[in-house]
C-alpha cells in the first residue's frame, strides 16, 4: 500500500470542488490557494477513504449535504483569514 495514492481524505475532493464552483482559483495567488486549502481542511474532520465512488454509495443525501455545508462554512472562514493577511511581494 502507498499511503499518498491509495488513501485520501474525502473532504479534499469536496473542498476542491467548492473552490472550483466559487472560481477562487482565479481570484487568489498560488500561495493563497495553498493556504486556503490547508486552513479549510484543518477545520474539517478527517474522513479517509480508498475510493471516492464508495462514498457516493454509502452516504445518505442528508449526510452528503451536511458535509458540503461544513465545507462551505470552513472555506468561508479560511477566506476571511486570507483576506486579512497582507500579500507578501518577493
N, C-alpha and C. Protein backbone atom coordinates (compact mmCIF):
# COMPACT_ATOMS: atom_id res chain seq x y z
N UNK A 1 0.84 -1.19 0.00
CA UNK A 1 0.00 0.00 0.00
C UNK A 1 0.88 1.24 0.00
N UNK A 2 0.48 2.22 -0.79
CA UNK A 2 1.17 3.51 -0.83
C UNK A 2 0.20 4.54 -0.29
N UNK A 3 0.50 5.06 0.89
CA UNK A 3 -0.44 5.93 1.59
C UNK A 3 -0.87 7.14 0.78
N UNK A 4 0.05 7.79 0.09
CA UNK A 4 -0.33 9.03 -0.61
C UNK A 4 -1.10 8.80 -1.90
N UNK A 5 -1.22 7.56 -2.36
CA UNK A 5 -2.02 7.31 -3.55
C UNK A 5 -3.19 6.37 -3.30
N UNK A 6 -3.08 5.50 -2.31
CA UNK A 6 -4.14 4.52 -2.05
C UNK A 6 -5.21 5.04 -1.09
N UNK A 7 -4.87 6.02 -0.28
CA UNK A 7 -5.78 6.54 0.73
C UNK A 7 -5.80 8.06 0.64
N UNK A 8 -7.00 8.63 0.74
CA UNK A 8 -7.07 10.10 0.75
C UNK A 8 -8.28 10.55 1.58
N UNK A 9 -8.23 11.81 1.95
CA UNK A 9 -9.29 12.41 2.75
C UNK A 9 -10.42 12.84 1.80
N UNK A 10 -11.61 12.31 2.00
CA UNK A 10 -12.74 12.62 1.13
C UNK A 10 -13.04 14.12 1.10
N UNK A 11 -12.78 14.80 2.20
CA UNK A 11 -13.04 16.24 2.25
C UNK A 11 -12.17 17.01 1.26
N UNK A 12 -11.00 16.48 0.90
CA UNK A 12 -10.15 17.16 -0.09
C UNK A 12 -10.92 17.32 -1.40
N UNK A 13 -11.60 16.27 -1.81
CA UNK A 13 -12.40 16.30 -3.04
C UNK A 13 -13.51 17.36 -2.94
N UNK A 14 -14.19 17.39 -1.80
CA UNK A 14 -15.29 18.35 -1.62
C UNK A 14 -14.78 19.78 -1.60
N UNK A 15 -13.64 20.01 -0.95
CA UNK A 15 -13.07 21.36 -0.89
C UNK A 15 -12.66 21.83 -2.28
N UNK A 16 -11.97 20.99 -3.03
CA UNK A 16 -11.55 21.38 -4.38
C UNK A 16 -12.74 21.64 -5.29
N UNK A 17 -13.78 20.84 -5.14
CA UNK A 17 -15.00 21.03 -5.93
C UNK A 17 -15.64 22.39 -5.62
N UNK A 18 -15.69 22.75 -4.34
CA UNK A 18 -16.29 24.03 -3.95
C UNK A 18 -15.42 25.21 -4.39
N UNK A 19 -14.11 25.05 -4.33
CA UNK A 19 -13.20 26.11 -4.80
C UNK A 19 -13.44 26.37 -6.28
N UNK A 20 -13.57 25.31 -7.05
CA UNK A 20 -13.85 25.46 -8.49
C UNK A 20 -15.22 26.10 -8.70
N UNK A 21 -16.20 25.67 -7.94
CA UNK A 21 -17.56 26.20 -8.06
C UNK A 21 -17.58 27.71 -7.82
N UNK A 22 -16.80 28.17 -6.83
CA UNK A 22 -16.76 29.59 -6.50
C UNK A 22 -15.75 30.37 -7.34
N UNK A 23 -14.98 29.69 -8.16
CA UNK A 23 -13.99 30.36 -9.02
C UNK A 23 -12.85 31.00 -8.25
N UNK A 24 -12.52 30.46 -7.10
CA UNK A 24 -11.49 31.08 -6.26
C UNK A 24 -10.10 30.96 -6.85
N UNK A 25 -9.86 29.97 -7.69
CA UNK A 25 -8.53 29.81 -8.27
C UNK A 25 -8.18 30.98 -9.19
N UNK A 26 -9.17 31.71 -9.68
CA UNK A 26 -8.91 32.89 -10.50
C UNK A 26 -8.71 34.15 -9.65
N UNK A 27 -9.13 34.10 -8.40
CA UNK A 27 -9.08 35.28 -7.54
C UNK A 27 -7.87 35.31 -6.61
N UNK A 28 -7.25 34.15 -6.37
CA UNK A 28 -6.17 34.06 -5.40
C UNK A 28 -4.87 33.61 -6.05
N UNK A 29 -3.76 33.98 -5.44
CA UNK A 29 -2.44 33.53 -5.92
C UNK A 29 -2.27 32.05 -5.57
N UNK A 30 -1.24 31.42 -6.13
CA UNK A 30 -0.96 30.02 -5.81
C UNK A 30 -0.69 29.83 -4.33
N UNK A 31 0.07 30.75 -3.73
CA UNK A 31 0.34 30.66 -2.29
C UNK A 31 -0.94 30.81 -1.48
N UNK A 32 -1.79 31.73 -1.86
CA UNK A 32 -3.05 31.91 -1.16
C UNK A 32 -3.94 30.67 -1.31
N UNK A 33 -3.92 30.06 -2.49
CA UNK A 33 -4.72 28.85 -2.71
C UNK A 33 -4.24 27.72 -1.81
N UNK A 34 -2.93 27.56 -1.70
CA UNK A 34 -2.39 26.52 -0.83
C UNK A 34 -2.80 26.78 0.62
N UNK A 35 -2.68 28.04 1.04
CA UNK A 35 -3.09 28.40 2.40
C UNK A 35 -4.58 28.17 2.60
N UNK A 36 -5.37 28.54 1.61
CA UNK A 36 -6.82 28.36 1.68
C UNK A 36 -7.17 26.89 1.88
N UNK A 37 -6.55 26.03 1.10
CA UNK A 37 -6.83 24.58 1.23
C UNK A 37 -6.44 24.07 2.61
N UNK A 38 -5.26 24.45 3.07
CA UNK A 38 -4.81 23.99 4.40
C UNK A 38 -5.73 24.50 5.50
N UNK A 39 -6.03 25.79 5.48
CA UNK A 39 -6.89 26.37 6.52
C UNK A 39 -8.29 25.75 6.51
N UNK A 40 -8.80 25.49 5.33
CA UNK A 40 -10.13 24.89 5.21
C UNK A 40 -10.13 23.46 5.71
N UNK A 41 -9.18 22.65 5.24
CA UNK A 41 -9.14 21.24 5.63
C UNK A 41 -8.85 21.06 7.11
N UNK A 42 -8.08 21.97 7.70
CA UNK A 42 -7.78 21.86 9.13
C UNK A 42 -9.01 22.09 10.00
N UNK A 43 -10.04 22.70 9.46
CA UNK A 43 -11.28 22.92 10.21
C UNK A 43 -12.24 21.74 10.11
N UNK A 44 -11.97 20.84 9.18
CA UNK A 44 -12.89 19.73 8.89
C UNK A 44 -12.37 18.43 9.50
N UNK A 45 -13.27 17.51 9.82
CA UNK A 45 -12.81 16.22 10.33
C UNK A 45 -12.16 15.41 9.20
N UNK A 46 -11.22 14.58 9.55
CA UNK A 46 -10.62 13.70 8.55
C UNK A 46 -11.61 12.58 8.24
N UNK A 47 -11.75 12.26 6.98
CA UNK A 47 -12.65 11.18 6.56
C UNK A 47 -11.93 10.43 5.43
N UNK A 48 -11.05 9.52 5.84
CA UNK A 48 -10.19 8.84 4.87
C UNK A 48 -10.90 7.69 4.18
N UNK A 49 -10.65 7.59 2.89
CA UNK A 49 -11.25 6.55 2.06
C UNK A 49 -10.22 6.06 1.06
N UNK A 50 -10.55 4.94 0.41
CA UNK A 50 -9.70 4.45 -0.67
C UNK A 50 -10.27 4.86 -2.02
N UNK A 51 -11.58 4.79 -2.17
CA UNK A 51 -12.20 5.06 -3.46
C UNK A 51 -13.37 6.03 -3.28
N UNK A 52 -13.35 7.11 -4.01
CA UNK A 52 -14.41 8.11 -3.92
C UNK A 52 -15.76 7.52 -4.24
N UNK A 53 -15.81 6.61 -5.17
CA UNK A 53 -17.09 6.00 -5.56
C UNK A 53 -17.74 5.29 -4.37
N UNK A 54 -16.94 4.76 -3.45
CA UNK A 54 -17.50 4.11 -2.26
C UNK A 54 -18.32 5.09 -1.43
N UNK A 55 -17.85 6.31 -1.33
CA UNK A 55 -18.56 7.31 -0.53
C UNK A 55 -19.91 7.65 -1.14
N UNK A 56 -19.98 7.67 -2.43
CA UNK A 56 -21.23 8.01 -3.11
C UNK A 56 -22.32 7.02 -2.74
N UNK A 57 -21.95 5.75 -2.64
CA UNK A 57 -22.94 4.71 -2.35
C UNK A 57 -23.28 4.59 -0.86
N UNK A 58 -22.36 4.99 0.01
CA UNK A 58 -22.57 4.77 1.44
C UNK A 58 -23.03 6.02 2.20
N UNK A 59 -23.08 7.15 1.55
CA UNK A 59 -23.57 8.38 2.19
C UNK A 59 -25.04 8.59 1.84
N UNK A 60 -25.81 8.98 2.83
CA UNK A 60 -27.18 9.38 2.52
C UNK A 60 -27.13 10.81 1.96
N UNK A 61 -28.20 11.23 1.36
CA UNK A 61 -28.26 12.60 0.83
C UNK A 61 -28.10 13.62 1.95
N UNK A 62 -28.68 13.33 3.10
CA UNK A 62 -28.57 14.24 4.25
C UNK A 62 -27.12 14.34 4.73
N UNK A 63 -26.40 13.22 4.77
CA UNK A 63 -25.00 13.23 5.19
C UNK A 63 -24.15 14.01 4.20
N UNK A 64 -24.38 13.78 2.94
CA UNK A 64 -23.61 14.48 1.90
C UNK A 64 -23.88 15.99 1.96
N UNK A 65 -25.13 16.35 2.15
CA UNK A 65 -25.50 17.76 2.25
C UNK A 65 -24.82 18.41 3.46
N UNK A 66 -24.79 17.71 4.58
CA UNK A 66 -24.14 18.23 5.79
C UNK A 66 -22.64 18.41 5.57
N UNK A 67 -22.01 17.47 4.89
CA UNK A 67 -20.58 17.59 4.60
C UNK A 67 -20.32 18.80 3.71
N UNK A 68 -21.16 18.99 2.71
CA UNK A 68 -20.99 20.13 1.81
C UNK A 68 -21.18 21.45 2.54
N UNK A 69 -22.14 21.51 3.46
CA UNK A 69 -22.35 22.72 4.26
C UNK A 69 -21.13 23.02 5.12
N UNK A 70 -20.55 21.98 5.71
CA UNK A 70 -19.35 22.16 6.54
C UNK A 70 -18.20 22.71 5.70
N UNK A 71 -18.08 22.21 4.48
CA UNK A 71 -17.02 22.68 3.57
C UNK A 71 -17.22 24.16 3.26
N UNK A 72 -18.43 24.55 2.93
CA UNK A 72 -18.72 25.95 2.59
C UNK A 72 -18.41 26.87 3.76
N UNK A 73 -18.81 26.48 4.96
CA UNK A 73 -18.54 27.28 6.16
C UNK A 73 -17.04 27.38 6.43
N UNK A 74 -16.34 26.25 6.35
CA UNK A 74 -14.89 26.24 6.60
C UNK A 74 -14.15 27.04 5.55
N UNK A 75 -14.57 26.94 4.31
CA UNK A 75 -13.95 27.70 3.22
C UNK A 75 -14.15 29.20 3.43
N UNK A 76 -15.32 29.58 3.85
CA UNK A 76 -15.60 31.00 4.12
C UNK A 76 -14.71 31.52 5.25
N UNK A 77 -14.58 30.74 6.32
CA UNK A 77 -13.71 31.14 7.44
C UNK A 77 -12.26 31.28 6.98
N UNK A 78 -11.79 30.34 6.17
CA UNK A 78 -10.42 30.38 5.67
C UNK A 78 -10.20 31.59 4.77
N UNK A 79 -11.19 31.90 3.91
CA UNK A 79 -11.09 33.07 3.03
C UNK A 79 -10.94 34.34 3.84
N UNK A 80 -11.71 34.45 4.92
CA UNK A 80 -11.64 35.65 5.75
C UNK A 80 -10.25 35.81 6.35
N UNK A 81 -9.64 34.72 6.78
CA UNK A 81 -8.28 34.79 7.34
C UNK A 81 -7.28 35.23 6.27
N UNK A 82 -7.43 34.69 5.08
CA UNK A 82 -6.50 35.03 4.00
C UNK A 82 -6.68 36.49 3.59
N UNK A 83 -7.89 36.97 3.52
CA UNK A 83 -8.15 38.36 3.14
C UNK A 83 -7.57 39.33 4.16
N UNK A 84 -7.46 38.91 5.40
CA UNK A 84 -6.92 39.77 6.47
C UNK A 84 -5.39 39.76 6.50
N UNK A 85 -4.78 38.84 5.74
CA UNK A 85 -3.33 38.72 5.72
C UNK A 85 -2.78 39.44 4.50
N UNK A 86 -1.87 40.37 4.71
CA UNK A 86 -1.30 41.10 3.57
C UNK A 86 -0.51 40.15 2.66
N UNK A 87 -0.55 40.41 1.36
CA UNK A 87 0.20 39.62 0.39
C UNK A 87 1.66 40.05 0.44
N UNK A 88 2.56 39.05 0.57
CA UNK A 88 3.98 39.33 0.56
C UNK A 88 4.47 39.34 -0.88
N UNK A 89 5.16 40.40 -1.23
CA UNK A 89 5.72 40.52 -2.57
C UNK A 89 7.22 40.24 -2.48
N UNK A 90 7.69 39.26 -3.25
CA UNK A 90 9.10 38.89 -3.19
C UNK A 90 9.93 39.74 -4.12
